[in-house]
Amino acid sequence: MNNVGYPIRMGHWKRLVLIAESKLNLTPMEKILREILLKAVRSQESEVKSVEIETPREESFGDLSSPAAMALAKPLKKSPMKIAEEIISRMQDSGFGIQDIFEKVDIAGPGFINFTFKKSFLCGELKQLIKQKEAFLREDVGRGKRVQIEFVSANPTGPLHLGHGRGAALGAALANLLYEAGYKVEREYYINDAGRQVKLLGMSVLAKYKQLLGEDYPFPEDGYRGDYIEGIAKDFKEEKETPEPDVITDFAYQKMLDAIKKDLEDFGVSFDSWQSERELYRKGEVVQAIDDLKAKDYIYEKDGALWFKATGFGDDKDRVIVKQDGEYTYFAPDIAYHRKKVDKGFDEIIDIWGADHHGYIPRMQAVIQALGYPKENLKVLLVQMVTLLRGGKPVQMSKRAGEFITLREVIDEIGEDTTKFLFLTRRSDSHLEVDIEVAKTQSAENPVYYVQYAHARICSIFEKARQEAIGYRQGVKDLTDFNGELFNDEEMKIIKKLLLYPMIFKNAALAHEPHRITFYLQELAGMFHPYYHRHKVISDDMEITKARLALCEAIRIVLRHGLKILGVKAPEKM
């Protein structure tokens, strides 16, 4: 593991690199190292367009490291050690003045080149962070590309459960992350308001309505249960609607959709568009999508049904889209829906689904290709379920939903910010456990409290400085006016951590993994709190006070930006 918590694999990092194209007016340490390395590597008569940069496994190996020499060994037919030596030699002639940037450059292991930055350079970067604030932290990896993220898209047949909530937190954070990275983002919710499930909702509410009237009316065997069904039936009864199946189904569906929208609003999650499945049928878009595929000879008839040639695009079997009785399968509107996405001209389409939809990915990728869209431009992120614990023991049932704990119940108990942050503490495709009792504690055990308290604690430091008017006439107001030589070893470790944030941000955006930001914020807060207890920020020594206030301001800037991406508040008081 590297010191930011992610495994280093050459293939993994290869996906996360960028060609350095910026000028040196913005120089987070990874970016300037990339430019220097690219110039040196290209002098090896290699058509290299990018280089890999990572954080070393151990602090003694330096601040950043590159396996570029090992990557060049095969094409150049030289040993990695020899190539590394040549790269370092050419770096001396790069014109970047590396003697002012690096304290040490050495070779380790089979050919890693390790870089240790000079204290003066790092302090200069810290000043730039304070001056430029968020502009220093983010990188325009999106370059104006249009991306659509479709997430949550829960059937409007019951309350949102924890899996839906985790998908909502992921989708919203990913949208924020990509927007900050320069993408033009559209957030969409696909409403599954057609088909058997919605009809079953109507049948369930109708049965409960009849029972409220005193009738001996059978409840559907596979109907939806839970207090919310009776609540909808009571609302229907009070509004004296005509108890026709279609009327009560529409009433129930709209009630559930309104409840879902309210839960998402209270969770701080919004959408730019809501796409109705019914609307796809009503506007003839399902028929049109099938006709388009027919025209391309991707549809054929067999045994009285219509089939899509999914095997022609890597799926394990062809798929029925219209049954023998003329009824559409659920796959048909999904084709129409993704055809509509393609027609909108997005550079990238991201679907966030429950993990139980894993087997559905190949057929949708087949559709995307049949529609003339690159397979790679459709990305599907899977979300595993959440197990709710109370004091370490699983909580399984909900009176409101009947079968599961609802998102609303958790938000009401531990709050929007805590719920959202906890949902983003791990990769979305890994199982997550959330302990309600731990989430309510105000301690280091509660990660969101720990991070938010770091921000609030720094705000209190500056409030104290304002109240005491400490040194403002001496220039503390200009937080870049500090002497970096006064920073101790612990402070320098925090500074290096801060200057790694742009790299973490960029890689999180490229990998579509907002949880990397969450992990980083926890580590940063874990460095700040012990530092705060060991060192007095405001003291009688004005020069040390100025340096430590500058460090605190930089930490505050990074915490605020990271929390903004996660959709979590950065409180000034707690």
Protein backbone atom coordinates (compact mmCIF):
# COMPACT_ATOMS: atom_id res chain seq x y z
CA MET A 1 0.00 0.00 0.00
CA ASN A 2 1.17 3.54 -0.65
CA ASN A 3 0.80 6.21 1.98
CA VAL A 4 -2.56 7.41 0.68
CA GLY A 5 -4.11 4.00 1.00
CA TYR A 6 -4.29 2.66 -2.54
CA PRO A 7 -2.48 -0.32 -4.04
CA ILE A 8 0.16 0.56 -6.60
CA ARG A 9 -0.13 -1.47 -9.76
CA MET A 10 1.50 -0.41 -12.97
CA GLY A 11 -1.63 -1.06 -15.02
CA HIS A 12 -3.78 0.73 -12.45
CA TRP A 13 -1.69 3.86 -12.43
CA LYS A 14 -1.35 3.85 -16.19
CA ARG A 15 -5.03 4.70 -16.40
CA LEU A 16 -4.55 7.64 -14.06
CA VAL A 17 -1.83 9.59 -15.82
CA LEU A 18 -2.20 12.75 -17.87
CA ILE A 19 0.01 14.44 -20.39
CA ALA A 20 1.42 17.51 -18.73
CA GLU A 21 0.40 20.50 -20.81
CA SER A 22 0.12 23.34 -18.30
CA LYS A 23 2.55 26.18 -17.80
CA LEU A 24 4.57 26.48 -14.63
CA ASN A 25 2.44 29.25 -13.13
CA LEU A 26 0.46 26.46 -11.44
CA THR A 27 2.87 23.91 -10.06
CA PRO A 28 1.49 21.33 -7.66
CA MET A 29 4.45 19.07 -7.03
CA GLU A 30 3.15 16.15 -9.09
CA LYS A 31 2.55 18.40 -12.10
CA ILE A 32 5.99 19.97 -12.14
CA LEU A 33 7.62 16.56 -11.63
CA ARG A 34 5.61 15.21 -14.55
CA GLU A 35 6.85 17.99 -16.83
CA ILE A 36 10.47 17.47 -15.81
CA LEU A 37 10.21 13.71 -16.25
CA LEU A 38 8.50 13.96 -19.62
CA LYS A 39 11.24 16.17 -20.98
CA ALA A 40 13.96 13.85 -19.68
CA VAL A 41 12.20 10.67 -20.83
CA ARG A 42 11.53 11.98 -24.32
CA SER A 43 15.24 12.56 -24.69
CA GLN A 44 15.58 8.75 -24.55
CA GLU A 45 14.37 8.59 -28.17
CA SER A 46 11.04 7.29 -26.99
CA GLU A 47 7.56 8.32 -28.12
CA VAL A 48 6.38 8.58 -24.52
CA LYS A 49 3.29 10.73 -24.06
CA SER A 50 2.83 10.24 -20.34
CA VAL A 51 4.72 9.06 -17.28
CA GLU A 52 3.57 7.34 -14.13
CA ILE A 53 3.96 9.04 -10.79
CA GLU A 54 3.01 7.52 -7.45
CA THR A 55 3.51 7.96 -3.76
CA PRO A 56 6.23 5.65 -2.35
CA ARG A 57 5.42 2.77 -0.05
CA GLU A 58 7.65 4.19 2.68
CA GLU A 59 8.34 7.76 3.69
CA SER A 60 12.10 7.13 3.52
CA PHE A 61 11.78 6.60 -0.24
CA GLY A 62 10.95 10.26 -0.80
CA ASP A 63 7.88 12.34 -1.57
CA LEU A 64 7.04 11.01 -5.04
CA SER A 65 8.34 8.16 -7.17
CA SER A 66 8.24 7.07 -10.81
CA PRO A 67 8.64 3.63 -12.44
CA ALA A 68 9.26 5.29 -15.83
CA ALA A 69 12.68 3.63 -16.23
CA MET A 70 11.18 0.17 -15.83
CA ALA A 71 8.43 0.95 -18.33
CA LEU A 72 11.09 1.98 -20.89
CA ALA A 73 13.37 -1.01 -20.35
CA LYS A 74 11.75 -3.31 -22.89
CA PRO A 75 11.27 -0.83 -25.77
CA LEU A 76 14.76 0.66 -25.29
CA LYS A 77 16.40 -2.73 -24.62
CA LYS A 78 18.35 -1.35 -21.67
CA SER A 79 18.38 -2.14 -17.98
CA PRO A 80 16.02 -0.02 -15.83
CA MET A 81 18.94 1.08 -13.66
CA LYS A 82 20.84 2.38 -16.69
CA ILE A 83 17.77 4.21 -18.01
CA ALA A 84 17.09 5.71 -14.58
CA GLU A 85 20.66 7.04 -14.41
CA GLU A 86 20.30 8.59 -17.88
CA ILE A 87 16.96 10.17 -16.97
CA ILE A 88 18.44 11.75 -13.85
CA SER A 89 21.41 12.99 -15.85
CA ARG A 90 19.15 14.59 -18.47
CA MET A 91 17.00 16.15 -15.76
CA GLN A 92 20.06 18.20 -14.80
CA ASP A 93 19.95 19.77 -18.26
CA SER A 94 16.18 20.17 -18.45
CA GLY A 95 16.19 23.90 -17.80
CA PHE A 96 13.76 23.59 -14.89
CA GLY A 97 16.34 24.46 -12.24
CA ILE A 98 15.87 21.18 -10.43
CA GLN A 99 18.54 22.11 -7.89
CA ASP A 100 15.96 24.57 -6.50
CA ILE A 101 13.19 21.95 -6.51
CA PHE A 102 14.64 18.67 -5.27
CA GLU A 103 16.57 17.97 -2.12
CA LYS A 104 17.40 14.52 -3.38
CA VAL A 105 16.84 12.31 -6.44
CA ASP A 106 17.89 8.69 -6.17
CA ILE A 107 17.27 5.24 -7.61
CA ALA A 108 15.81 2.39 -5.57
CA GLY A 109 14.93 -1.25 -6.06
CA PRO A 110 14.68 -2.44 -9.66
CA GLY A 111 14.68 1.08 -11.10
CA PHE A 112 12.28 3.37 -9.25
CA ILE A 113 13.34 7.02 -9.33
CA ASN A 114 12.54 8.64 -5.98
CA PHE A 115 12.19 12.38 -5.51
CA THR A 116 12.48 14.38 -2.29
CA PHE A 117 11.42 18.02 -2.61
CA LYS A 118 13.24 20.90 -1.00
CA LYS A 119 11.62 22.56 1.98
CA SER A 120 11.78 25.95 0.27
CA PHE A 121 9.96 24.60 -2.78
CA LEU A 122 7.23 22.99 -0.66
CA CYS A 123 6.72 26.20 1.32
CA GLY A 124 6.46 28.13 -1.93
CA GLU A 125 3.75 25.72 -3.08
CA LEU A 126 1.95 26.16 0.23
CA LYS A 127 1.86 29.90 -0.38
CA GLN A 128 0.38 29.29 -3.82
CA LEU A 129 -2.28 27.04 -2.29
CA ILE A 130 -3.27 29.78 0.14
CA LYS A 131 -3.30 32.44 -2.59
CA GLN A 132 -5.14 30.48 -5.27
CA LYS A 133 -7.35 28.40 -2.94
CA GLU A 134 -9.57 25.98 -4.91
CA ALA A 135 -7.94 26.86 -8.23
CA PHE A 136 -4.72 25.30 -6.91
CA LEU A 137 -6.46 22.09 -5.83
CA ARG A 138 -8.31 21.00 -8.94
CA GLU A 139 -7.22 20.07 -12.43
CA ASP A 140 -9.21 20.40 -15.66
CA VAL A 141 -9.07 16.77 -16.70
CA GLY A 142 -12.59 16.97 -18.17
CA ARG A 143 -11.77 19.81 -20.54
CA GLY A 144 -15.45 20.60 -21.14
CA LYS A 145 -16.53 17.05 -22.02
CA ARG A 146 -20.22 16.32 -21.53
CA VAL A 147 -21.07 13.50 -19.16
CA GLN A 148 -24.42 12.18 -17.95
CA ILE A 149 -24.71 10.39 -14.63
CA GLU A 150 -27.89 8.38 -14.08
CA PHE A 151 -28.31 7.26 -10.49
CA VAL A 152 -30.77 6.11 -7.82
CA SER A 153 -33.58 5.40 -10.36
CA ALA A 154 -35.44 3.39 -7.72
CA ASN A 155 -38.81 1.93 -8.68
CA PRO A 156 -41.50 4.27 -7.29
CA THR A 157 -43.13 1.36 -5.47
CA GLY A 158 -41.70 1.86 -1.99
CA PRO A 159 -39.43 4.06 0.13
CA LEU A 160 -35.75 4.44 -0.65
CA HIS A 161 -33.62 1.89 1.21
CA LEU A 162 -29.98 2.17 2.26
CA GLY A 163 -28.70 0.80 -1.06
CA HIS A 164 -30.56 3.58 -2.87
CA GLY A 165 -29.09 6.07 -0.41
CA ARG A 166 -25.58 4.84 -1.04
CA GLY A 167 -26.15 5.15 -4.78
CA ALA A 168 -27.51 8.67 -4.25
CA ALA A 169 -24.45 9.70 -2.23
CA LEU A 170 -22.12 8.21 -4.86
CA GLY A 171 -23.91 9.79 -7.83
CA ALA A 172 -24.08 13.23 -6.24
CA ALA A 173 -20.43 13.16 -5.12
CA LEU A 174 -19.26 11.90 -8.51
CA ALA A 175 -21.21 14.68 -10.23
CA ASN A 176 -19.56 17.24 -7.94
CA LEU A 177 -16.13 15.70 -8.50
CA LEU A 178 -16.41 15.66 -12.30
CA TYR A 179 -17.85 19.18 -12.36
CA GLU A 180 -14.88 20.42 -10.33
CA ALA A 181 -12.62 18.56 -12.79
CA GLY A 182 -13.98 20.53 -15.75
CA TYR A 183 -16.76 18.26 -17.07
CA LYS A 184 -20.22 19.49 -18.06
CA VAL A 185 -22.39 17.21 -15.97
CA GLU A 186 -26.05 16.22 -16.27
CA ARG A 187 -27.67 14.36 -13.36
CA GLU A 188 -30.63 12.17 -14.35
CA TYR A 189 -33.13 9.94 -12.57
CA TYR A 190 -34.84 7.23 -14.64
CA ILE A 191 -38.40 6.65 -13.41
CA ASN A 192 -39.52 3.05 -13.81
CA ASP A 193 -43.19 4.00 -13.94
CA ALA A 194 -44.40 1.32 -16.38
CA GLY A 195 -44.76 -2.41 -16.13
CA ARG A 196 -45.91 -4.98 -13.61
CA GLN A 197 -44.29 -3.52 -10.49
CA VAL A 198 -46.23 -0.26 -10.69
CA LYS A 199 -49.44 -2.19 -11.35
CA LEU A 200 -48.70 -4.34 -8.30
CA LEU A 201 -48.28 -1.19 -6.22
CA GLY A 202 -51.74 -0.09 -7.35
CA MET A 203 -53.21 -3.52 -6.55
CA SER A 204 -51.66 -3.42 -3.07
CA VAL A 205 -53.07 0.03 -2.31
CA LEU A 206 -56.47 -0.94 -3.77
CA ALA A 207 -56.63 -4.00 -1.49
CA LYS A 208 -55.75 -1.92 1.56
CA TYR A 209 -58.30 0.72 0.52
CA LYS A 210 -61.05 -1.88 0.26
CA GLN A 211 -60.09 -3.26 3.67
CA LEU A 212 -60.29 0.24 5.16
CA LEU A 213 -63.88 0.36 3.89
CA GLY A 214 -64.59 -2.83 5.79
CA GLU A 215 -64.62 -5.12 2.79
CA ASP A 216 -63.15 -8.63 2.88
CA TYR A 217 -60.80 -7.97 -0.02
CA PRO A 218 -57.79 -10.26 -0.68
CA PHE A 219 -54.33 -8.72 -0.56
CA PRO A 220 -52.07 -9.67 -3.52
CA GLU A 221 -49.85 -12.59 -2.57
CA ASP A 222 -46.70 -10.80 -3.80
CA GLY A 223 -47.99 -7.32 -3.01
CA TYR A 224 -46.03 -4.53 -1.35
CA ARG A 225 -46.31 -4.39 2.42
CA GLY A 226 -45.42 -1.91 5.09
CA ASP A 227 -47.16 1.01 6.72
CA TYR A 228 -46.66 3.24 3.69
CA ILE A 229 -49.22 1.19 1.69
CA GLU A 230 -51.91 1.83 4.29
CA GLY A 231 -50.88 5.49 4.41
CA ILE A 232 -51.42 5.87 0.66
CA ALA A 233 -54.76 4.05 0.91
CA LYS A 234 -55.89 6.44 3.66
CA ASP A 235 -54.88 9.45 1.56
CA PHE A 236 -56.81 8.03 -1.38
CA LYS A 237 -59.87 7.46 0.79
CA GLU A 238 -59.77 10.99 2.18
CA GLU A 239 -59.49 12.53 -1.28
CA LYS A 240 -62.52 10.48 -2.41
CA GLU A 241 -61.02 9.44 -5.71
CA THR A 242 -62.82 6.96 -7.97
CA PRO A 243 -61.48 3.53 -6.93
CA GLU A 244 -60.70 2.38 -10.47
CA PRO A 245 -57.49 0.32 -10.81
CA ASP A 246 -55.79 2.78 -13.18
CA VAL A 247 -56.77 5.78 -11.07
CA ILE A 248 -55.55 4.27 -7.82
CA THR A 249 -52.34 3.04 -9.49
CA ASP A 250 -51.53 6.53 -10.77
CA PHE A 251 -52.39 8.01 -7.38
CA ALA A 252 -50.15 5.54 -5.54
CA TYR A 253 -47.28 5.91 -8.00
CA GLN A 254 -47.34 9.71 -7.74
CA LYS A 255 -47.45 9.58 -3.94
CA MET A 256 -44.40 7.32 -3.87
CA LEU A 257 -42.51 9.43 -6.40
CA ASP A 258 -43.22 12.56 -4.34
CA ALA A 259 -41.94 10.79 -1.22
CA ILE A 260 -38.77 9.71 -3.03
CA LYS A 261 -38.17 13.25 -4.27
CA LYS A 262 -38.64 14.60 -0.75
CA ASP A 263 -36.19 12.07 0.72
CA LEU A 264 -33.60 12.95 -1.91
CA GLU A 265 -34.12 16.67 -1.39
CA ASP A 266 -33.60 16.26 2.35
CA PHE A 267 -30.51 14.16 1.58
CA GLY A 268 -29.09 17.07 -0.40
CA VAL A 269 -29.29 15.25 -3.73
CA SER A 270 -30.76 16.96 -6.81
CA PHE A 271 -31.26 16.06 -10.47
CA ASP A 272 -31.22 18.06 -13.68
CA SER A 273 -33.75 15.80 -15.40
CA TRP A 274 -36.26 13.05 -14.63
CA GLN A 275 -36.83 10.59 -17.48
CA SER A 276 -40.13 8.69 -17.39
CA GLU A 277 -40.35 5.16 -18.81
CA ARG A 278 -44.02 5.79 -19.64
CA GLU A 279 -42.97 8.80 -21.68
CA LEU A 280 -40.68 6.63 -23.81
CA TYR A 281 -43.67 4.49 -24.75
CA ARG A 282 -46.03 7.45 -25.16
CA LYS A 283 -43.69 9.25 -27.56
CA GLY A 284 -43.05 6.11 -29.60
CA GLU A 285 -39.38 6.04 -28.67
CA VAL A 286 -39.42 2.34 -27.79
CA VAL A 287 -40.81 1.44 -31.22
CA GLN A 288 -38.36 3.81 -32.91
CA ALA A 289 -35.37 2.29 -31.11
CA ILE A 290 -36.39 -1.21 -32.21
CA ASP A 291 -36.93 -0.01 -35.78
CA ASP A 292 -33.46 1.56 -35.80
CA LEU A 293 -31.88 -1.73 -34.76
CA LYS A 294 -33.97 -3.59 -37.31
CA ALA A 295 -32.67 -1.31 -40.03
CA LYS A 296 -29.13 -2.24 -38.99
CA ASP A 297 -30.04 -5.95 -39.06
CA TYR A 298 -29.51 -6.35 -35.34
CA ILE A 299 -33.06 -7.62 -34.72
CA TYR A 300 -34.46 -10.96 -35.87
CA GLU A 301 -37.63 -13.00 -35.35
CA LYS A 302 -37.60 -16.46 -33.80
CA ASP A 303 -40.43 -18.56 -32.30
CA GLY A 304 -42.81 -15.64 -32.69
CA ALA A 305 -40.62 -13.28 -30.62
CA LEU A 306 -38.22 -10.48 -31.54
CA TRP A 307 -34.58 -10.94 -30.53
CA PHE A 308 -31.61 -8.57 -30.30
CA LYS A 309 -28.29 -9.95 -31.62
CA ALA A 310 -26.41 -9.31 -28.39
CA THR A 311 -23.89 -12.10 -29.06
CA GLY A 312 -22.56 -10.08 -31.96
CA PHE A 313 -21.23 -7.59 -29.41
CA GLY A 314 -19.80 -9.91 -26.77
CA ASP A 315 -22.87 -10.91 -24.75
CA ASP A 316 -23.25 -14.59 -23.89
CA LYS A 317 -26.64 -14.94 -25.61
CA ASP A 318 -29.15 -13.03 -27.70
CA ARG A 319 -31.93 -11.22 -25.85
CA VAL A 320 -35.71 -11.14 -26.31
CA ILE A 321 -37.14 -7.66 -26.61
CA VAL A 322 -40.72 -8.49 -27.69
CA LYS A 323 -42.35 -11.69 -26.38
CA GLN A 324 -44.54 -14.08 -28.38
CA ASP A 325 -47.68 -12.39 -27.00
CA GLY A 326 -46.47 -9.00 -28.25
CA GLU A 327 -45.57 -7.72 -24.79
CA TYR A 328 -42.30 -5.83 -24.43
CA THR A 329 -39.63 -7.17 -22.09
CA TYR A 330 -38.05 -4.73 -19.62
CA PHE A 331 -35.04 -4.71 -21.93
CA ALA A 332 -36.98 -2.86 -24.67
CA PRO A 333 -37.45 0.47 -22.84
CA ASP A 334 -33.85 0.26 -21.61
CA ILE A 335 -32.74 0.16 -25.25
CA ALA A 336 -34.86 3.21 -26.02
CA TYR A 337 -33.58 5.01 -22.95
CA HIS A 338 -29.92 4.46 -23.83
CA ARG A 339 -30.58 5.36 -27.46
CA LYS A 340 -31.86 8.69 -26.14
CA LYS A 341 -28.67 9.14 -24.10
CA VAL A 342 -26.56 8.48 -27.19
CA ASP A 343 -28.61 10.89 -29.28
CA LYS A 344 -27.96 13.66 -26.75
CA GLY A 345 -24.29 13.47 -27.71
CA PHE A 346 -22.67 12.86 -24.33
CA ASP A 347 -18.96 12.12 -24.41
CA GLU A 348 -19.48 9.69 -21.56
CA ILE A 349 -22.48 7.95 -20.04
CA ILE A 350 -22.31 6.73 -16.45
CA ASP A 351 -24.97 4.41 -15.01
CA ILE A 352 -24.98 3.67 -11.29
CA TRP A 353 -26.76 0.39 -10.55
CA GLY A 354 -27.27 -2.00 -7.67
CA ALA A 355 -24.74 -4.83 -7.52
CA ASP A 356 -27.49 -7.35 -8.39
CA HIS A 357 -27.54 -5.86 -11.91
CA HIS A 358 -24.00 -7.01 -12.67
CA GLY A 359 -25.15 -9.51 -15.29
CA TYR A 360 -27.05 -6.77 -17.11
CA ILE A 361 -23.90 -4.86 -18.05
CA PRO A 362 -22.85 -6.94 -21.14
CA ARG A 363 -26.24 -6.60 -22.81
CA MET A 364 -26.34 -2.83 -22.32
CA GLN A 365 -22.80 -2.55 -23.65
CA ALA A 366 -23.98 -4.59 -26.63
CA VAL A 367 -26.83 -2.12 -27.19
CA ILE A 368 -24.49 0.84 -26.93
CA GLN A 369 -22.24 -0.63 -29.61
CA ALA A 370 -25.18 -1.49 -31.85
CA LEU A 371 -26.24 2.15 -31.61
CA GLY A 372 -22.81 3.18 -32.90
CA TYR A 373 -21.42 4.39 -29.58
CA PRO A 374 -18.02 3.23 -28.27
CA LYS A 375 -18.36 0.53 -25.63
CA GLU A 376 -15.83 2.28 -23.41
CA ASN A 377 -17.96 5.43 -23.26
CA LEU A 378 -20.59 3.62 -21.19
CA LYS A 379 -19.40 3.10 -17.64
CA VAL A 380 -21.45 1.20 -15.11
CA LEU A 381 -20.65 1.64 -11.42
CA LEU A 382 -22.11 -0.98 -9.10
CA VAL A 383 -23.28 -0.25 -5.57
CA GLN A 384 -23.33 -2.93 -2.90
CA MET A 385 -25.92 -2.99 -0.17
CA VAL A 386 -25.42 -1.47 3.28
CA THR A 387 -25.79 -3.41 6.50
CA LEU A 388 -27.09 -1.27 9.33
CA LEU A 389 -25.80 -2.09 12.81
CA ARG A 390 -26.80 -0.87 16.22
CA GLY A 391 -24.12 -1.50 18.80
CA GLY A 392 -22.51 -4.05 16.50
CA LYS A 393 -25.72 -6.05 15.92
CA PRO A 394 -27.57 -6.05 12.55
CA VAL A 395 -30.86 -4.15 12.29
CA GLN A 396 -33.05 -5.91 9.75
CA MET A 397 -36.67 -4.79 9.82
CA SER A 398 -38.50 -1.51 9.39
CA LYS A 399 -42.07 -0.85 10.44
CA ARG A 400 -42.48 1.68 7.67
CA ALA A 401 -41.12 -0.42 4.79
CA GLY A 402 -41.93 -3.84 6.18
CA GLU A 403 -38.78 -5.47 4.78
CA PHE A 404 -35.85 -3.07 5.08
CA ILE A 405 -34.55 0.02 6.86
CA THR A 406 -35.38 3.15 4.87
CA LEU A 407 -33.01 5.95 4.01
CA ARG A 408 -35.39 8.37 5.71
CA GLU A 409 -35.14 6.54 9.04
CA VAL A 410 -31.33 6.74 8.99
CA ILE A 411 -31.26 10.41 7.96
CA ASP A 412 -33.69 11.25 10.77
CA GLU A 413 -31.49 9.47 13.33
CA ILE A 414 -27.92 10.43 12.38
CA GLY A 415 -28.37 13.32 9.94
CA GLU A 416 -27.79 13.98 6.25
CA ASP A 417 -24.05 14.75 6.47
CA THR A 418 -23.13 11.73 8.57
CA THR A 419 -25.15 9.36 6.41
CA LYS A 420 -23.67 10.69 3.20
CA PHE A 421 -20.07 10.68 4.44
CA LEU A 422 -20.32 7.13 5.80
CA PHE A 423 -21.78 5.90 2.50
CA LEU A 424 -18.67 7.29 0.79
CA THR A 425 -16.02 5.77 3.04
CA ARG A 426 -15.44 2.71 0.85
CA ARG A 427 -15.50 1.69 -2.80
CA SER A 428 -19.10 1.48 -3.96
CA ASP A 429 -18.76 -2.14 -5.10
CA SER A 430 -17.64 -3.35 -1.66
CA HIS A 431 -20.02 -4.21 1.16
CA LEU A 432 -20.50 -1.50 3.77
CA GLU A 433 -21.50 -1.69 7.43
CA VAL A 434 -22.78 1.39 9.25
CA ASP A 435 -23.16 1.35 13.02
CA ILE A 436 -25.79 3.85 14.13
CA GLU A 437 -24.39 4.16 17.65
CA VAL A 438 -20.86 4.91 16.40
CA ALA A 439 -22.27 7.41 13.89
CA LYS A 440 -23.84 9.37 16.73
CA THR A 441 -20.64 9.66 18.76
CA GLN A 442 -18.57 12.82 18.84
CA SER A 443 -15.17 11.16 18.73
CA ALA A 444 -12.44 9.93 16.42
CA GLU A 445 -14.49 6.74 15.95
CA ASN A 446 -16.98 8.78 13.93
CA PRO A 447 -15.09 9.72 10.74
CA VAL A 448 -17.40 12.52 9.59
CA TYR A 449 -17.34 14.16 13.02
CA TYR A 450 -13.54 13.88 13.07
CA VAL A 451 -13.20 15.60 9.68
CA GLN A 452 -15.84 18.27 10.28
CA TYR A 453 -14.40 19.00 13.72
CA ALA A 454 -10.98 19.60 12.17
CA HIS A 455 -12.52 22.34 10.02
CA ALA A 456 -14.49 23.81 12.93
CA ARG A 457 -11.42 23.72 15.18
CA ILE A 458 -9.40 25.72 12.64
CA CYS A 459 -12.24 28.23 12.35
CA SER A 460 -12.15 28.64 16.14
CA ILE A 461 -8.39 29.29 15.97
CA PHE A 462 -8.93 32.15 13.54
CA GLU A 463 -11.86 33.45 15.57
CA LYS A 464 -9.55 33.62 18.60
CA ALA A 465 -6.93 35.43 16.51
CA ARG A 466 -9.57 37.96 15.41
CA GLN A 467 -10.89 38.49 18.92
CA GLU A 468 -7.44 39.07 20.33
CA ALA A 469 -6.33 41.07 17.27
CA ILE A 470 -3.15 39.05 17.41
CA GLY A 471 -0.51 40.46 15.16
CA TYR A 472 -2.84 41.78 12.49
CA ARG A 473 -0.87 44.99 12.31
CA GLN A 474 2.26 42.90 11.98
CA GLY A 475 1.01 41.20 8.84
CA VAL A 476 -0.79 38.03 9.98
CA LYS A 477 -3.66 39.12 7.76
CA ASP A 478 -1.43 38.23 4.81
CA LEU A 479 -1.25 34.50 5.45
CA THR A 480 1.45 34.00 2.82
CA ASP A 481 3.85 36.21 4.76
CA PHE A 482 5.54 33.46 6.78
CA ASN A 483 9.02 32.03 7.22
CA GLY A 484 8.94 28.41 6.04
CA GLU A 485 12.19 27.61 7.82
CA LEU A 486 10.24 27.71 11.09
CA PHE A 487 8.17 24.64 10.20
CA ASN A 488 9.10 21.53 12.17
CA ASP A 489 9.17 17.96 10.80
CA GLU A 490 5.55 17.27 11.77
CA GLU A 491 4.39 20.43 10.03
CA MET A 492 6.35 19.53 6.90
CA LYS A 493 4.61 16.14 6.79
CA ILE A 494 1.24 17.91 6.86
CA ILE A 495 2.38 20.31 4.13
CA LYS A 496 3.40 17.40 1.91
CA LYS A 497 0.02 15.79 2.55
CA LEU A 498 -1.75 19.00 1.55
CA LEU A 499 0.27 19.28 -1.66
CA LEU A 500 -0.70 15.73 -2.60
CA TYR A 501 -4.39 16.69 -2.70
CA PRO A 502 -4.37 17.84 -6.36
CA MET A 503 -2.97 14.42 -7.31
CA ILE A 504 -5.61 12.64 -5.21
CA PHE A 505 -8.32 14.85 -6.75
CA LYS A 506 -7.19 14.20 -10.31
CA ASN A 507 -6.90 10.44 -9.84
CA ALA A 508 -10.28 10.28 -8.09
CA ALA A 509 -11.88 12.08 -11.04
CA LEU A 510 -10.22 9.87 -13.64
CA ALA A 511 -11.11 6.68 -11.75
CA HIS A 512 -14.64 7.92 -10.90
CA GLU A 513 -14.03 7.12 -7.23
CA PRO A 514 -15.14 9.87 -4.81
CA HIS A 515 -14.29 7.65 -1.83
CA ARG A 516 -10.63 8.54 -2.41
CA ILE A 517 -11.46 12.08 -1.30
CA THR A 518 -13.19 10.72 1.81
CA PHE A 519 -10.17 8.58 2.67
CA TYR A 520 -7.79 11.49 2.16
CA LEU A 521 -9.84 13.82 4.38
CA GLN A 522 -9.81 11.24 7.18
CA GLU A 523 -6.03 10.98 6.92
CA LEU A 524 -5.58 14.74 6.90
CA ALA A 525 -7.84 15.19 9.92
CA GLY A 526 -5.92 12.37 11.59
CA MET A 527 -2.72 14.36 11.13
CA PHE A 528 -4.16 17.72 12.21
CA HIS A 529 -5.84 16.81 15.51
CA PRO A 530 -2.71 15.32 17.17
CA TYR A 531 -0.68 18.26 15.85
CA TYR A 532 -3.15 20.70 17.40
CA HIS A 533 -2.82 19.03 20.79
CA ARG A 534 0.98 19.04 20.65
CA HIS A 535 1.59 22.54 19.34
CA LYS A 536 0.14 25.92 20.24
CA VAL A 537 -0.85 27.75 17.06
CA ILE A 538 -1.21 31.20 18.61
CA SER A 539 1.71 32.10 20.86
CA ASP A 540 3.86 35.04 21.93
CA ASP A 541 6.26 34.24 19.09
CA MET A 542 4.73 36.19 16.22
CA GLU A 543 6.79 34.54 13.46
CA ILE A 544 5.83 31.01 14.54
CA THR A 545 2.21 32.15 14.93
CA LYS A 546 2.19 33.46 11.37
CA ALA A 547 3.62 30.21 10.00
CA ARG A 548 1.15 28.04 11.92
CA LEU A 549 -1.84 30.19 10.99
CA ALA A 550 -0.81 29.81 7.34
CA LEU A 551 -0.64 26.04 7.74
CA CYS A 552 -4.07 25.98 9.40
CA GLU A 553 -5.54 28.08 6.60
CA ALA A 554 -4.20 25.68 3.97
CA ILE A 555 -5.69 22.73 5.84
CA ARG A 556 -9.02 24.55 6.06
CA ILE A 557 -9.03 25.24 2.30
CA VAL A 558 -8.42 21.59 1.48
CA LEU A 559 -10.95 20.27 4.00
CA ARG A 560 -13.61 22.63 2.71
CA HIS A 561 -13.00 21.65 -0.91
CA GLY A 562 -13.04 17.93 -0.18
CA LEU A 563 -16.21 18.15 1.89
CA LYS A 564 -17.88 20.20 -0.85
CA ILE A 565 -17.21 17.40 -3.35
CA LEU A 566 -18.78 14.88 -0.97
CA GLY A 567 -21.80 17.13 -0.48
CA VAL A 568 -21.05 17.44 3.23
CA LYS A 569 -21.10 20.71 5.17
CA ALA A 570 -17.91 22.29 6.52
CA PRO A 571 -19.20 23.74 9.82
CA GLU A 572 -17.47 26.67 11.51
CA LYS A 573 -18.75 25.64 14.94
CA MET A 574 -19.57 22.25 16.47
